[in-house]
Amino acid sequence: MIRMVRGTVIARGKDYLVIDVGGVGYKVFVPEPAALAADLNETLMLHTYLQVREDALNLFGFVDTDELAMFELLLSVNGVGPKVALATLGVLSPDMLRSAVAAEEPAMLQKAGITINRPPRDG
C-alpha cells in the first residue's frame, strides 16, 4: 500500500498531479482545489489511498490526513466510489461535510453529488 508520496510536481490537470518521486512520475488524483493550488516544480507531500482494480491501479492524494480519512469514510457509503468521493472533497471540506451530515442537510450533500436515503420516520 502506498500511503504517502513526496516529490516535485511535474504536471497537473483538473483533478490530478504528476509527482516525480526519485525519477518515477506518479499520477495522483486529487481534489480539484489541490490541483489548482499546486505549482509546477513545487515539492509536495500527499497522503495517498491506492485503489487496486482488475484493470488499473489508481492513486488518490490528499494534503492532510483529515481529508484522507474523510475520503475513506465516503468510500464506505453504498454507491460512492473514489471519483464521487474525490469530487465531494473538491466541493466540501471535511469540516463542512461533517457539519452537513450532523445537521442532516441533504441539499448540501446533493450539491456534492451524494444522495442520502433516510428511512421513513414513524409518526
PDB file of N, CA and C in Angstrom:
ATOM      1  N   MET A   1       0.848  -1.184   0.000  1.00  0.00           N
ATOM      2  CA  MET A   1       0.000   0.000   0.000  1.00  0.00           C
ATOM      3  C   MET A   1       0.884   1.234   0.000  1.00  0.00           C
ATOM      4  N   ILE A   2       0.616   2.149  -0.886  1.00  0.00           N
ATOM      5  CA  ILE A   2       1.335   3.425  -0.938  1.00  0.00           C
ATOM      6  C   ILE A   2       0.528   4.427  -0.126  1.00  0.00           C
ATOM      7  N   ARG A   3       1.061   4.900   1.007  1.00  0.00           N
ATOM      8  CA  ARG A   3       0.314   5.804   1.888  1.00  0.00           C
ATOM      9  C   ARG A   3       0.783   7.246   1.826  1.00  0.00           C
ATOM     10  N   MET A   4       1.882   7.517   1.111  1.00  0.00           N
ATOM     11  CA  MET A   4       2.377   8.883   1.032  1.00  0.00           C
ATOM     12  C   MET A   4       3.359   8.971  -0.121  1.00  0.00           C
ATOM     13  N   VAL A   5       3.313  10.112  -0.822  1.00  0.00           N
ATOM     14  CA  VAL A   5       4.336  10.402  -1.823  1.00  0.00           C
ATOM     15  C   VAL A   5       4.848  11.813  -1.567  1.00  0.00           C
ATOM     16  N   ARG A   6       6.131  11.989  -1.765  1.00  0.00           N
ATOM     17  CA  ARG A   6       6.751  13.312  -1.652  1.00  0.00           C
ATOM     18  C   ARG A   6       7.652  13.478  -2.857  1.00  0.00           C
ATOM     19  N   GLY A   7       7.451  14.579  -3.567  1.00  0.00           N
ATOM     20  CA  GLY A   7       8.266  14.817  -4.745  1.00  0.00           C
ATOM     21  C   GLY A   7       7.909  16.133  -5.401  1.00  0.00           C
ATOM     22  N   THR A   8       8.364  16.279  -6.630  1.00  0.00           N
ATOM     23  CA  THR A   8       8.200  17.519  -7.375  1.00  0.00           C
ATOM     24  C   THR A   8       7.032  17.403  -8.341  1.00  0.00           C
ATOM     25  N   VAL A   9       6.179  18.416  -8.347  1.00  0.00           N
ATOM     26  CA  VAL A   9       5.054  18.459  -9.286  1.00  0.00           C
ATOM     27  C   VAL A   9       5.616  18.743 -10.675  1.00  0.00           C
ATOM     28  N   ILE A  10       5.397  17.803 -11.601  1.00  0.00           N
ATOM     29  CA  ILE A  10       5.925  17.997 -12.956  1.00  0.00           C
ATOM     30  C   ILE A  10       4.814  18.212 -13.987  1.00  0.00           C
ATOM     31  N   ALA A  11       3.572  17.938 -13.604  1.00  0.00           N
ATOM     32  CA  ALA A  11       2.428  18.179 -14.491  1.00  0.00           C
ATOM     33  C   ALA A  11       1.171  18.202 -13.635  1.00  0.00           C
ATOM     34  N   ARG A  12       0.140  18.827 -14.188  1.00  0.00           N
ATOM     35  CA  ARG A  12      -1.133  18.842 -13.467  1.00  0.00           C
ATOM     36  C   ARG A  12      -2.280  18.954 -14.446  1.00  0.00           C
ATOM     37  N   GLY A  13      -3.411  18.428 -14.006  1.00  0.00           N
ATOM     38  CA  GLY A  13      -4.658  18.526 -14.757  1.00  0.00           C
ATOM     39  C   GLY A  13      -5.732  19.019 -13.807  1.00  0.00           C
ATOM     40  N   LYS A  14      -6.962  18.982 -14.249  1.00  0.00           N
ATOM     41  CA  LYS A  14      -8.072  19.475 -13.430  1.00  0.00           C
ATOM     42  C   LYS A  14      -8.198  18.700 -12.117  1.00  0.00           C
ATOM     43  N   ASP A  15      -7.963  17.392 -12.171  1.00  0.00           N
ATOM     44  CA  ASP A  15      -8.162  16.567 -10.977  1.00  0.00           C
ATOM     45  C   ASP A  15      -6.981  15.639 -10.678  1.00  0.00           C
ATOM     46  N   TYR A  16      -5.808  15.996 -11.172  1.00  0.00           N
ATOM     47  CA  TYR A  16      -4.642  15.145 -10.894  1.00  0.00           C
ATOM     48  C   TYR A  16      -3.356  15.962 -10.925  1.00  0.00           C
ATOM     49  N   LEU A  17      -2.349  15.389 -10.290  1.00  0.00           N
ATOM     50  CA  LEU A  17      -0.986  15.912 -10.347  1.00  0.00           C
ATOM     51  C   LEU A  17      -0.076  14.761 -10.748  1.00  0.00           C
ATOM     52  N   VAL A  18       1.004  15.063 -11.436  1.00  0.00           N
ATOM     53  CA  VAL A  18       2.055  14.069 -11.667  1.00  0.00           C
ATOM     54  C   VAL A  18       3.213  14.498 -10.785  1.00  0.00           C
ATOM     55  N   ILE A  19       3.582  13.592  -9.874  1.00  0.00           N
ATOM     56  CA  ILE A  19       4.628  13.856  -8.896  1.00  0.00           C
ATOM     57  C   ILE A  19       5.854  13.017  -9.247  1.00  0.00           C
ATOM     58  N   ASP A  20       6.994  13.667  -9.439  1.00  0.00           N
ATOM     59  CA  ASP A  20       8.253  12.968  -9.693  1.00  0.00           C
ATOM     60  C   ASP A  20       8.851  12.584  -8.348  1.00  0.00           C
ATOM     61  N   VAL A  21       8.907  11.289  -8.106  1.00  0.00           N
ATOM     62  CA  VAL A  21       9.495  10.755  -6.873  1.00  0.00           C
ATOM     63  C   VAL A  21      10.696   9.907  -7.283  1.00  0.00           C
ATOM     64  N   GLY A  22      11.881  10.462  -7.128  1.00  0.00           N
ATOM     65  CA  GLY A  22      13.091   9.719  -7.454  1.00  0.00           C
ATOM     66  C   GLY A  22      13.168   9.273  -8.899  1.00  0.00           C
ATOM     67  N   GLY A  23      12.667  10.095  -9.820  1.00  0.00           N
ATOM     68  CA  GLY A  23      12.743   9.750 -11.229  1.00  0.00           C
ATOM     69  C   GLY A  23      11.557   8.967 -11.755  1.00  0.00           C
ATOM     70  N   VAL A  24      10.576   8.665 -10.903  1.00  0.00           N
ATOM     71  CA  VAL A  24       9.365   7.978 -11.326  1.00  0.00           C
ATOM     72  C   VAL A  24       8.199   8.955 -11.182  1.00  0.00           C
ATOM     73  N   GLY A  25       7.421   9.141 -12.254  1.00  0.00           N
ATOM     74  CA  GLY A  25       6.282  10.057 -12.213  1.00  0.00           C
ATOM     75  C   GLY A  25       5.014   9.322 -11.830  1.00  0.00           C
ATOM     76  N   TYR A  26       4.431   9.690 -10.705  1.00  0.00           N
ATOM     77  CA  TYR A  26       3.185   9.089 -10.229  1.00  0.00           C
ATOM     78  C   TYR A  26       2.026  10.022 -10.550  1.00  0.00           C
ATOM     79  N   LYS A  27       1.014   9.513 -11.256  1.00  0.00           N
ATOM     80  CA  LYS A  27      -0.206  10.288 -11.481  1.00  0.00           C
ATOM     81  C   LYS A  27      -1.084  10.076 -10.256  1.00  0.00           C
ATOM     82  N   VAL A  28      -1.376  11.177  -9.566  1.00  0.00           N
ATOM     83  CA  VAL A  28      -2.140  11.119  -8.326  1.00  0.00           C
ATOM     84  C   VAL A  28      -3.402  11.957  -8.510  1.00  0.00           C
ATOM     85  N   PHE A  29      -4.567  11.318  -8.407  1.00  0.00           N
ATOM     86  CA  PHE A  29      -5.828  12.045  -8.484  1.00  0.00           C
ATOM     87  C   PHE A  29      -6.025  12.799  -7.179  1.00  0.00           C
ATOM     88  N   VAL A  30      -6.356  14.080  -7.275  1.00  0.00           N
ATOM     89  CA  VAL A  30      -6.514  14.938  -6.097  1.00  0.00           C
ATOM     90  C   VAL A  30      -7.808  15.737  -6.233  1.00  0.00           C
ATOM     91  N   PRO A  31      -8.338  16.251  -5.099  1.00  0.00           N
ATOM     92  CA  PRO A  31      -9.480  17.163  -5.212  1.00  0.00           C
ATOM     93  C   PRO A  31      -9.090  18.366  -6.079  1.00  0.00           C
ATOM     94  N   GLU A  32     -10.029  18.870  -6.851  1.00  0.00           N
ATOM     95  CA  GLU A  32      -9.743  19.961  -7.788  1.00  0.00           C
ATOM     96  C   GLU A  32      -9.037  21.159  -7.141  1.00  0.00           C
ATOM     97  N   PRO A  33      -9.433  21.598  -5.938  1.00  0.00           N
ATOM     98  CA  PRO A  33      -8.715  22.731  -5.339  1.00  0.00           C
ATOM     99  C   PRO A  33      -7.223  22.456  -5.125  1.00  0.00           C
ATOM    100  N   ALA A  34      -6.873  21.221  -4.799  1.00  0.00           N
ATOM    101  CA  ALA A  34      -5.466  20.870  -4.604  1.00  0.00           C
ATOM    102  C   ALA A  34      -4.708  20.920  -5.924  1.00  0.00           C
ATOM    103  N   ALA A  35      -5.356  20.473  -7.008  1.00  0.00           N
ATOM    104  CA  ALA A  35      -4.707  20.511  -8.320  1.00  0.00           C
ATOM    105  C   ALA A  35      -4.478  21.954  -8.759  1.00  0.00           C
ATOM    106  N   LEU A  36      -5.453  22.805  -8.512  1.00  0.00           N
ATOM    107  CA  LEU A  36      -5.332  24.212  -8.910  1.00  0.00           C
ATOM    108  C   LEU A  36      -4.295  24.954  -8.079  1.00  0.00           C
ATOM    109  N   ALA A  37      -4.131  24.551  -6.820  1.00  0.00           N
ATOM    110  CA  ALA A  37      -3.208  25.243  -5.919  1.00  0.00           C
ATOM    111  C   ALA A  37      -1.749  24.831  -6.118  1.00  0.00           C
ATOM    112  N   ALA A  38      -1.528  23.680  -6.700  1.00  0.00           N
ATOM    113  CA  ALA A  38      -0.160  23.177  -6.851  1.00  0.00           C
ATOM    114  C   ALA A  38       0.562  23.908  -7.980  1.00  0.00           C
ATOM    115  N   ASP A  39       1.797  24.272  -7.721  1.00  0.00           N
ATOM    116  CA  ASP A  39       2.631  24.924  -8.726  1.00  0.00           C
ATOM    117  C   ASP A  39       3.599  23.914  -9.330  1.00  0.00           C
ATOM    118  N   LEU A  40       3.846  24.044 -10.622  1.00  0.00           N
ATOM    119  CA  LEU A  40       4.855  23.198 -11.252  1.00  0.00           C
ATOM    120  C   LEU A  40       6.202  23.441 -10.585  1.00  0.00           C
ATOM    121  N   ASN A  41       6.979  22.393 -10.434  1.00  0.00           N
ATOM    122  CA  ASN A  41       8.305  22.386  -9.801  1.00  0.00           C
ATOM    123  C   ASN A  41       8.254  22.574  -8.287  1.00  0.00           C
ATOM    124  N   GLU A  42       7.056  22.592  -7.714  1.00  0.00           N
ATOM    125  CA  GLU A  42       6.898  22.676  -6.256  1.00  0.00           C
ATOM    126  C   GLU A  42       7.123  21.286  -5.655  1.00  0.00           C
ATOM    127  N   THR A  43       7.788  21.245  -4.505  1.00  0.00           N
ATOM    128  CA  THR A  43       7.904  19.989  -3.767  1.00  0.00           C
ATOM    129  C   THR A  43       6.651  19.844  -2.919  1.00  0.00           C
ATOM    130  N   LEU A  44       6.029  18.690  -3.028  1.00  0.00           N
ATOM    131  CA  LEU A  44       4.733  18.465  -2.391  1.00  0.00           C
ATOM    132  C   LEU A  44       4.703  17.092  -1.751  1.00  0.00           C
ATOM    133  N   MET A  45       4.018  16.996  -0.619  1.00  0.00           N
ATOM    134  CA  MET A  45       3.803  15.709   0.043  1.00  0.00           C
ATOM    135  C   MET A  45       2.304  15.467   0.096  1.00  0.00           C
ATOM    136  N   LEU A  46       1.871  14.294  -0.344  1.00  0.00           N
ATOM    137  CA  LEU A  46       0.461  13.929  -0.331  1.00  0.00           C
ATOM    138  C   LEU A  46       0.271  12.614   0.405  1.00  0.00           C
ATOM    139  N   HIS A  47      -0.767  12.556   1.224  1.00  0.00           N
ATOM    140  CA  HIS A  47      -1.190  11.304   1.851  1.00  0.00           C
ATOM    141  C   HIS A  47      -2.050  10.594   0.808  1.00  0.00           C
ATOM    142  N   THR A  48      -1.855   9.302   0.634  1.00  0.00           N
ATOM    143  CA  THR A  48      -2.483   8.630  -0.500  1.00  0.00           C
ATOM    144  C   THR A  48      -3.311   7.412  -0.126  1.00  0.00           C
ATOM    145  N   TYR A  49      -4.193   7.093  -1.049  1.00  0.00           N
ATOM    146  CA  TYR A  49      -5.028   5.896  -0.999  1.00  0.00           C
ATOM    147  C   TYR A  49      -4.846   5.203  -2.346  1.00  0.00           C
ATOM    148  N   LEU A  50      -4.467   3.945  -2.325  1.00  0.00           N
ATOM    149  CA  LEU A  50      -4.269   3.179  -3.549  1.00  0.00           C
ATOM    150  C   LEU A  50      -5.482   2.301  -3.804  1.00  0.00           C
ATOM    151  N   GLN A  51      -6.133   2.525  -4.932  1.00  0.00           N
ATOM    152  CA  GLN A  51      -7.260   1.689  -5.345  1.00  0.00           C
ATOM    153  C   GLN A  51      -6.713   0.626  -6.296  1.00  0.00           C
ATOM    154  N   VAL A  52      -6.933  -0.630  -5.951  1.00  0.00           N
ATOM    155  CA  VAL A  52      -6.482  -1.741  -6.784  1.00  0.00           C
ATOM    156  C   VAL A  52      -7.700  -2.340  -7.464  1.00  0.00           C
ATOM    157  N   ARG A  53      -7.692  -2.258  -8.789  1.00  0.00           N
ATOM    158  CA  ARG A  53      -8.775  -2.843  -9.572  1.00  0.00           C
ATOM    159  C   ARG A  53      -8.182  -3.881 -10.510  1.00  0.00           C
ATOM    160  N   GLU A  54      -9.031  -4.666 -11.083  1.00  0.00           N
ATOM    161  CA  GLU A  54      -8.567  -5.693 -12.004  1.00  0.00           C
ATOM    162  C   GLU A  54      -7.837  -5.092 -13.199  1.00  0.00           C
ATOM    163  N   ASP A  55      -8.298  -3.905 -13.633  1.00  0.00           N
ATOM    164  CA  ASP A  55      -7.741  -3.302 -14.838  1.00  0.00           C
ATOM    165  C   ASP A  55      -6.907  -2.042 -14.589  1.00  0.00           C
ATOM    166  N   ALA A  56      -6.727  -1.652 -13.309  1.00  0.00           N
ATOM    167  CA  ALA A  56      -5.992  -0.407 -13.053  1.00  0.00           C
ATOM    168  C   ALA A  56      -5.545  -0.311 -11.602  1.00  0.00           C
ATOM    169  N   LEU A  57      -4.500   0.462 -11.400  1.00  0.00           N
ATOM    170  CA  LEU A  57      -4.079   0.891 -10.067  1.00  0.00           C
ATOM    171  C   LEU A  57      -4.231   2.408 -10.064  1.00  0.00           C
ATOM    172  N   ASN A  58      -5.081   2.938  -9.190  1.00  0.00           N
ATOM    173  CA  ASN A  58      -5.313   4.378  -9.137  1.00  0.00           C
ATOM    174  C   ASN A  58      -4.866   4.908  -7.784  1.00  0.00           C
ATOM    175  N   LEU A  59      -4.118   6.000  -7.818  1.00  0.00           N
ATOM    176  CA  LEU A  59      -3.599   6.618  -6.606  1.00  0.00           C
ATOM    177  C   LEU A  59      -4.334   7.937  -6.384  1.00  0.00           C
ATOM    178  N   PHE A  60      -4.888   8.104  -5.193  1.00  0.00           N
ATOM    179  CA  PHE A  60      -5.621   9.308  -4.822  1.00  0.00           C
ATOM    180  C   PHE A  60      -4.834   9.996  -3.716  1.00  0.00           C
ATOM    181  N   GLY A  61      -4.658  11.319  -3.825  1.00  0.00           N
ATOM    182  CA  GLY A  61      -3.816  12.033  -2.870  1.00  0.00           C
ATOM    183  C   GLY A  61      -4.534  13.187  -2.187  1.00  0.00           C
ATOM    184  N   PHE A  62      -4.086  13.467  -0.955  1.00  0.00           N
ATOM    185  CA  PHE A  62      -4.721  14.478  -0.117  1.00  0.00           C
ATOM    186  C   PHE A  62      -3.660  15.232   0.663  1.00  0.00           C
ATOM    187  N   VAL A  63      -3.915  16.528   0.860  1.00  0.00           N
ATOM    188  CA  VAL A  63      -2.922  17.374   1.514  1.00  0.00           C
ATOM    189  C   VAL A  63      -2.788  17.088   3.003  1.00  0.00           C
ATOM    190  N   ASP A  64      -3.826  16.503   3.622  1.00  0.00           N
ATOM    191  CA  ASP A  64      -3.705  16.167   5.047  1.00  0.00           C
ATOM    192  C   ASP A  64      -4.444  14.871   5.355  1.00  0.00           C
ATOM    193  N   THR A  65      -4.186  14.345   6.525  1.00  0.00           N
ATOM    194  CA  THR A  65      -4.766  13.060   6.901  1.00  0.00           C
ATOM    195  C   THR A  65      -6.262  13.158   7.157  1.00  0.00           C
ATOM    196  N   ASP A  66      -6.757  14.338   7.506  1.00  0.00           N
ATOM    197  CA  ASP A  66      -8.192  14.522   7.711  1.00  0.00           C
ATOM    198  C   ASP A  66      -8.948  14.318   6.403  1.00  0.00           C
ATOM    199  N   GLU A  67      -8.430  14.884   5.317  1.00  0.00           N
ATOM    200  CA  GLU A  67      -9.045  14.682   4.002  1.00  0.00           C
ATOM    201  C   GLU A  67      -9.006  13.209   3.599  1.00  0.00           C
ATOM    202  N   LEU A  68      -7.884  12.564   3.836  1.00  0.00           N
ATOM    203  CA  LEU A  68      -7.755  11.139   3.517  1.00  0.00           C
ATOM    204  C   LEU A  68      -8.759  10.314   4.313  1.00  0.00           C
ATOM    205  N   ALA A  69      -8.884  10.596   5.599  1.00  0.00           N
ATOM    206  CA  ALA A  69      -9.827   9.852   6.443  1.00  0.00           C
ATOM    207  C   ALA A  69     -11.268  10.055   5.962  1.00  0.00           C
ATOM    208  N   MET A  70     -11.613  11.275   5.578  1.00  0.00           N
ATOM    209  CA  MET A  70     -12.962  11.542   5.086  1.00  0.00           C
ATOM    210  C   MET A  70     -13.195  10.831   3.759  1.00  0.00           C
ATOM    211  N   PHE A  71     -12.186  10.802   2.895  1.00  0.00           N
ATOM    212  CA  PHE A  71     -12.270  10.070   1.626  1.00  0.00           C
ATOM    213  C   PHE A  71     -12.572   8.599   1.895  1.00  0.00           C
ATOM    214  N   GLU A  72     -11.836   8.002   2.816  1.00  0.00           N
ATOM    215  CA  GLU A  72     -12.040   6.589   3.136  1.00  0.00           C
ATOM    216  C   GLU A  72     -13.421   6.360   3.746  1.00  0.00           C
ATOM    217  N   LEU A  73     -13.897   7.304   4.549  1.00  0.00           N
ATOM    218  CA  LEU A  73     -15.239   7.188   5.122  1.00  0.00           C
ATOM    219  C   LEU A  73     -16.296   7.272   4.022  1.00  0.00           C
ATOM    220  N   LEU A  74     -16.124   8.193   3.088  1.00  0.00           N
ATOM    221  CA  LEU A  74     -17.066   8.311   1.973  1.00  0.00           C
ATOM    222  C   LEU A  74     -17.115   7.026   1.153  1.00  0.00           C
ATOM    223  N   LEU A  75     -15.981   6.365   0.993  1.00  0.00           N
ATOM    224  CA  LEU A  75     -15.958   5.114   0.235  1.00  0.00           C
ATOM    225  C   LEU A  75     -16.796   4.026   0.892  1.00  0.00           C
ATOM    226  N   SER A  76     -17.028   4.146   2.194  1.00  0.00           N
ATOM    227  CA  SER A  76     -17.830   3.141   2.902  1.00  0.00           C
ATOM    228  C   SER A  76     -19.326   3.347   2.687  1.00  0.00           C
ATOM    229  N   VAL A  77     -19.727   4.470   2.080  1.00  0.00           N
ATOM    230  CA  VAL A  77     -21.132   4.744   1.789  1.00  0.00           C
ATOM    231  C   VAL A  77     -21.531   3.981   0.535  1.00  0.00           C
ATOM    232  N   ASN A  78     -22.628   3.252   0.613  1.00  0.00           N
ATOM    233  CA  ASN A  78     -23.109   2.464  -0.512  1.00  0.00           C
ATOM    234  C   ASN A  78     -23.320   3.355  -1.729  1.00  0.00           C
ATOM    235  N   GLY A  79     -22.726   2.997  -2.858  1.00  0.00           N
ATOM    236  CA  GLY A  79     -22.890   3.732  -4.099  1.00  0.00           C
ATOM    237  C   GLY A  79     -21.884   4.852  -4.315  1.00  0.00           C
ATOM    238  N   VAL A  80     -20.994   5.091  -3.357  1.00  0.00           N
ATOM    239  CA  VAL A  80     -19.982   6.141  -3.501  1.00  0.00           C
ATOM    240  C   VAL A  80     -18.642   5.489  -3.817  1.00  0.00           C
ATOM    241  N   GLY A  81     -18.138   5.784  -5.003  1.00  0.00           N
ATOM    242  CA  GLY A  81     -16.833   5.272  -5.402  1.00  0.00           C
ATOM    243  C   GLY A  81     -15.783   6.360  -5.264  1.00  0.00           C
ATOM    244  N   PRO A  82     -14.550   6.045  -5.615  1.00  0.00           N
ATOM    245  CA  PRO A  82     -13.451   7.006  -5.455  1.00  0.00           C
ATOM    246  C   PRO A  82     -13.646   8.326  -6.197  1.00  0.00           C
ATOM    247  N   LYS A  83     -14.178   8.286  -7.413  1.00  0.00           N
ATOM    248  CA  LYS A  83     -14.343   9.531  -8.177  1.00  0.00           C
ATOM    249  C   LYS A  83     -15.378  10.442  -7.533  1.00  0.00           C
ATOM    250  N   VAL A  84     -16.491   9.874  -7.045  1.00  0.00           N
ATOM    251  CA  VAL A  84     -17.508  10.688  -6.368  1.00  0.00           C
ATOM    252  C   VAL A  84     -16.968  11.215  -5.045  1.00  0.00           C
ATOM    253  N   ALA A  85     -16.263  10.379  -4.307  1.00  0.00           N
ATOM    254  CA  ALA A  85     -15.678  10.813  -3.031  1.00  0.00           C
ATOM    255  C   ALA A  85     -14.674  11.941  -3.267  1.00  0.00           C
ATOM    256  N   LEU A  86     -13.870  11.820  -4.306  1.00  0.00           N
ATOM    257  CA  LEU A  86     -12.890  12.854  -4.621  1.00  0.00           C
ATOM    258  C   LEU A  86     -13.587  14.158  -5.025  1.00  0.00           C
ATOM    259  N   ALA A  87     -14.605  14.040  -5.867  1.00  0.00           N
ATOM    260  CA  ALA A  87     -15.359  15.225  -6.287  1.00  0.00           C
ATOM    261  C   ALA A  87     -16.036  15.890  -5.097  1.00  0.00           C
ATOM    262  N   THR A  88     -16.532  15.094  -4.156  1.00  0.00           N
ATOM    263  CA  THR A  88     -17.172  15.633  -2.951  1.00  0.00           C
ATOM    264  C   THR A  88     -16.180  16.474  -2.164  1.00  0.00           C
ATOM    265  N   LEU A  89     -14.962  15.966  -2.012  1.00  0.00           N
ATOM    266  CA  LEU A  89     -13.941  16.714  -1.275  1.00  0.00           C
ATOM    267  C   LEU A  89     -13.430  17.912  -2.067  1.00  0.00           C
ATOM    268  N   GLY A  90     -13.735  17.961  -3.337  1.00  0.00           N
ATOM    269  CA  GLY A  90     -13.414  19.134  -4.129  1.00  0.00           C
ATOM    270  C   GLY A  90     -14.407  20.266  -3.897  1.00  0.00           C
ATOM    271  N   VAL A  91     -15.594  19.909  -3.390  1.00  0.00           N
ATOM    272  CA  VAL A  91     -16.659  20.886  -3.152  1.00  0.00           C
ATOM    273  C   VAL A  91     -16.801  21.215  -1.671  1.00  0.00           C
ATOM    274  N   LEU A  92     -16.661  20.196  -0.826  1.00  0.00           N
ATOM    275  CA  LEU A  92     -16.849  20.363   0.616  1.00  0.00           C
ATOM    276  C   LEU A  92     -15.590  19.953   1.371  1.00  0.00           C
ATOM    277  N   SER A  93     -15.173  20.773   2.301  1.00  0.00           N
ATOM    278  CA  SER A  93     -14.056  20.399   3.173  1.00  0.00           C
ATOM    279  C   SER A  93     -14.535  19.309   4.131  1.00  0.00           C
ATOM    280  N   PRO A  94     -13.622  18.583   4.764  1.00  0.00           N
ATOM    281  CA  PRO A  94     -14.050  17.582   5.742  1.00  0.00           C
ATOM    282  C   PRO A  94     -14.941  18.179   6.836  1.00  0.00           C
ATOM    283  N   ASP A  95     -14.633  19.380   7.323  1.00  0.00           N
ATOM    284  CA  ASP A  95     -15.465  20.004   8.354  1.00  0.00           C
ATOM    285  C   ASP A  95     -16.858  20.331   7.834  1.00  0.00           C
ATOM    286  N   MET A  96     -16.946  20.842   6.605  1.00  0.00           N
ATOM    287  CA  MET A  96     -18.251  21.149   6.012  1.00  0.00           C
ATOM    288  C   MET A  96     -19.067  19.872   5.821  1.00  0.00           C
ATOM    289  N   LEU A  97     -18.397  18.814   5.421  1.00  0.00           N
ATOM    290  CA  LEU A  97     -19.071  17.535   5.206  1.00  0.00           C
ATOM    291  C   LEU A  97     -19.599  16.982   6.522  1.00  0.00           C
ATOM    292  N   ARG A  98     -18.779  17.038   7.577  1.00  0.00           N
ATOM    293  CA  ARG A  98     -19.228  16.586   8.899  1.00  0.00           C
ATOM    294  C   ARG A  98     -20.441  17.387   9.361  1.00  0.00           C
ATOM    295  N   SER A  99     -20.386  18.698   9.177  1.00  0.00           N
ATOM    296  CA  SER A  99     -21.495  19.562   9.588  1.00  0.00           C
ATOM    297  C   SER A  99     -22.766  19.223   8.823  1.00  0.00           C
ATOM    298  N   ALA A 100     -22.653  18.987   7.525  1.00  0.00           N
ATOM    299  CA  ALA A 100     -23.816  18.661   6.699  1.00  0.00           C
ATOM    300  C   ALA A 100     -24.458  17.358   7.149  1.00  0.00           C
ATOM    301  N   VAL A 101     -23.645  16.378   7.478  1.00  0.00           N
ATOM    302  CA  VAL A 101     -24.174  15.093   7.939  1.00  0.00           C
ATOM    303  C   VAL A 101     -24.807  15.248   9.319  1.00  0.00           C
ATOM    304  N   ALA A 102     -24.117  15.931  10.221  1.00  0.00           N
ATOM    305  CA  ALA A 102     -24.627  16.112  11.587  1.00  0.00           C
ATOM    306  C   ALA A 102     -25.937  16.897  11.597  1.00  0.00           C
ATOM    307  N   ALA A 103     -26.056  17.899  10.734  1.00  0.00           N
ATOM    308  CA  ALA A 103     -27.255  18.736  10.686  1.00  0.00           C
ATOM    309  C   ALA A 103     -28.317  18.161   9.747  1.00  0.00           C
ATOM    310  N   GLU A 104     -28.023  17.001   9.174  1.00  0.00           N
ATOM    311  CA  GLU A 104     -28.928  16.349   8.227  1.00  0.00           C
ATOM    312  C   GLU A 104     -29.341  17.320   7.125  1.00  0.00           C
ATOM    313  N   GLU A 105     -28.343  17.864   6.437  1.00  0.00           N
ATOM    314  CA  GLU A 105     -28.565  18.801   5.338  1.00  0.00           C
ATOM    315  C   GLU A 105     -28.355  18.090   4.003  1.00  0.00           C
ATOM    316  N   PRO A 106     -29.371  17.366   3.530  1.00  0.00           N
ATOM    317  CA  PRO A 106     -29.200  16.627   2.273  1.00  0.00           C
ATOM    318  C   PRO A 106     -28.927  17.539   1.076  1.00  0.00           C
ATOM    319  N   ALA A 107     -29.420  18.791   1.098  1.00  0.00           N
ATOM    320  CA  ALA A 107     -29.186  19.687  -0.039  1.00  0.00           C
ATOM    321  C   ALA A 107     -27.699  19.950  -0.222  1.00  0.00           C
ATOM    322  N   MET A 108     -26.969  20.131   0.871  1.00  0.00           N
ATOM    323  CA  MET A 108     -25.529  20.372   0.770  1.00  0.00           C
ATOM    324  C   MET A 108     -24.814  19.133   0.254  1.00  0.00           C
ATOM    325  N   LEU A 109     -25.249  17.976   0.704  1.00  0.00           N
ATOM    326  CA  LEU A 109     -24.632  16.738   0.241  1.00  0.00           C
ATOM    327  C   LEU A 109     -24.957  16.485  -1.231  1.00  0.00           C
ATOM    328  N   GLN A 110     -26.177  16.800  -1.639  1.00  0.00           N
ATOM    329  CA  GLN A 110     -26.552  16.618  -3.044  1.00  0.00           C
ATOM    330  C   GLN A 110     -25.744  17.542  -3.940  1.00  0.00           C
ATOM    331  N   LYS A 111     -25.419  18.730  -3.443  1.00  0.00           N
ATOM    332  CA  LYS A 111     -24.564  19.665  -4.186  1.00  0.00           C
ATOM    333  C   LYS A 111     -23.218  19.012  -4.500  1.00  0.00           C
ATOM    334  N   ALA A 112     -22.785  18.149  -3.587  1.00  0.00           N
ATOM    335  CA  ALA A 112     -21.507  17.457  -3.768  1.00  0.00           C
ATOM    336  C   ALA A 112     -21.669  16.131  -4.503  1.00  0.00           C
ATOM    337  N   GLY A 113     -22.917  15.770  -4.858  1.00  0.00           N
ATOM    338  CA  GLY A 113     -23.140  14.545  -5.624  1.00  0.00           C
ATOM    339  C   GLY A 113     -23.479  13.324  -4.800  1.00  0.00           C
ATOM    340  N   ILE A 114     -23.815  13.524  -3.520  1.00  0.00           N
ATOM    341  CA  ILE A 114     -24.158  12.397  -2.653  1.00  0.00           C
ATOM    342  C   ILE A 114     -25.631  12.479  -2.293  1.00  0.00           C
ATOM    343  N   THR A 115     -26.348  11.373  -2.465  1.00  0.00           N
ATOM    344  CA  THR A 115     -27.750  11.304  -2.084  1.00  0.00           C
ATOM    345  C   THR A 115     -27.878  10.403  -0.872  1.00  0.00           C
ATOM    346  N   ILE A 116     -28.529  10.930   0.152  1.00  0.00           N
ATOM    347  CA  ILE A 116     -28.758  10.165   1.378  1.00  0.00           C
ATOM    348  C   ILE A 116     -30.198   9.685   1.367  1.00  0.00           C
ATOM    349  N   ASN A 117     -30.381   8.396   1.442  1.00  0.00           N
ATOM    350  CA  ASN A 117     -31.719   7.818   1.525  1.00  0.00           C
ATOM    351  C   ASN A 117     -32.000   7.478   2.982  1.00  0.00           C
ATOM    352  N   ARG A 118     -32.797   8.323   3.607  1.00  0.00           N
ATOM    353  CA  ARG A 118     -33.129   8.092   5.015  1.00  0.00           C
ATOM    354  C   ARG A 118     -34.355   7.197   5.102  1.00  0.00           C
ATOM    355  N   PRO A 119     -34.379   6.325   6.119  1.00  0.00           N
ATOM    356  CA  PRO A 119     -35.586   5.518   6.306  1.00  0.00           C
ATOM    357  C   PRO A 119     -36.734   6.429   6.741  1.00  0.00           C
ATOM    358  N   PRO A 120     -37.981   6.080   6.376  1.00  0.00           N
ATOM    359  CA  PRO A 120     -39.113   6.908   6.779  1.00  0.00           C
ATOM    360  C   PRO A 120     -39.214   6.961   8.310  1.00  0.00           C
ATOM    361  N   ARG A 121     -39.616   8.121   8.791  1.00  0.00           N
ATOM    362  CA  ARG A 121     -39.798   8.282  10.235  1.00  0.00           C
ATOM    363  C   ARG A 121     -41.175   7.802  10.640  1.00  0.00           C
ATOM    364  N   ASP A 122     -41.201   7.101  11.752  1.00  0.00           N
ATOM    365  CA  ASP A 122     -42.503   6.671  12.288  1.00  0.00           C
ATOM    366  C   ASP A 122     -43.176   7.881  12.909  1.00  0.00           C
ATOM    367  N   GLY A 123     -44.423   8.083  12.642  1.00  0.00           N
ATOM    368  CA  GLY A 123     -45.056   9.278  13.153  1.00  0.00           C
ATOM    369  C   GLY A 123     -46.383   8.982  13.629  1.00  0.00           C
TER     370      GLY A 123
END
